[in-house]
Structure formats: C-alpha cells, structure tokens
Amino acid sequence: MLGSGSTGNCGLLVTERATILIDAGFSCRRTGEMLAERGVVANDIAAIFITHEHCDHIQGLRGLRKCGGIKFFANHATAEILEKKFNFGIEWQTFATGSILQFMDLNVTSFSVPHDAADPIGYVFSVAEAEDGKFKSVAWMTDLGYVPSHVAQYVSNVDLLVIESNYDSDMLAVDRKRPHYIKERIRGRYGHLPNEAAVNFIKNNRPNQWKKVVFAHVSADCNSETCIKKLLSGVGELGFEVDVAHP
C-alpha cells in the first residue's frame, strides 16, 4: 500500500510477471518517490487499474501516461468520464463491470460497489501459482457507502482483503472541519464505509481463506488505528493478520 486516504490512494501489486498499480491517486513525482522506496521505477509499471474517477484515485494519471508501455484499465463508464472531464488522451483498455480479464499472469475480476461515481468498482486479482508464503489472490474494495450482499461472493476466497474503514462515527459527528452536507455525503449509502460496517463485514464473513485484512482509506481527521482495533477486539479470535493503511 503506497498510500490510502482522502489525499490519495495507490497500491502496488507485484507478481512473477506483472508489476501494476491499483489507482494512481498521487502526483507522478510522489508516486515515483514511493515506488523508489520499494525498489521500483515508474517504467517497471505494466498497467494501472482504476476503481473510479475521483481525484484522490487518478491525479497521477497525466504524468504516468508519459511513461512508455503502461496500459490503463477502467470500465467503460469510468474511462468515458475521465476523458470527458480531464482529456488525458489515454488509450484505455476498457471492460464491462463484472467481467473477468487476463493481464500477463493475473486474472482480474471487477465488481460494482455503491459510491457517488459513474460506475465505481472493486477488484479481485489472482494468480494461478505463487511462491510459498506469498498471496495468490487479493480483493480490493474501497470507497463504498455500504457493503452489498453480492460483494461477499467475490472476496470470500481471497488471501488478502483490502477493505475501506473510513471514519469513526463519533469522531465524524464532532468534527469541525467538515460542513454538515459533507458529513451527510460521507455517511450516505453512496459515501464511505464507517468502522462499524467494515468490522461487521469482517465479523460475518471471515472464511478460513483470509490470511490478512488491511483496513484502508482511513480518515486522518475522523478515524484512527486505535478506533478500528478497539472494535476488532470485540470480534474474538480472527484467524488472520490485521493491518491499518496510512495516508
């Protein structure tokens, strides 16, 4: 996880054959710096998979499109609105939400999530084989106001689950930086996922397959790792590792 929060979101996924980004929510320069810290350069990136068109997920695209050889993937509605709004001039590799596509050694499945964007999605990335101790599959679901029933079928059989846990309800209620309408947008069914909903999903859908769960898109002002782990403490024995991503 290169970074995850309201200021930017970007994940780095590396397989035997593919090095990809999930979203590109930081400037090209900052993305390059974060990649360098992990021994990767921008020209190593084979593809970028976009979840939706909000700026904290796409602001690096204009610079990254100048790196030769990167393929840019998005569903039809997201690619269309990005070109209309920003005129990136990207030759998008588009797909239908819910479809399965092959990229290098990755199988990539998309699924819809409820958020105030054109056609926001989550992803499942999987490989047929992996080295001992490495994950074979990753589910990525951030930016959703609630967890629809269909989502469990996509994420129940992965090794690593990345799930939004955006805000603590009490902290958001007393926050003075955000006007009321912004708070209502965040709390709405097409806004962001609160800690309680994320933890309840974990509690009710924790198959033996999960090896690690990462709580992501955590608000810097209205949430904390302490708040998330306090809720988790009431769940009981988890059976997997837990991490909280930071901006």
Foldseek 3Di string as FASTA:
>chain_A
DLAFAPQADKDWDDAPWAIAIEFDQDALVSVQVSQVVVVDGLLRHQEYEYQAADNRRHVHPLVSQPRPRYAYEYADQRVVVCCVVPVSVHPHDHDHQQDWDDDTQWIKHWHFAAAPGRTGIKIKIAGPDHPPPDWGIETEDFQFLADDPVVLVVPLQGAEYEYEAEAAPVQLVPDPPDDPVVSCNCNDRRHGHHLVRVLVCLLVRQDLNYAEYEHGNYYPRGDDPVVNVVVNVVSPDRNHYYYYGHD
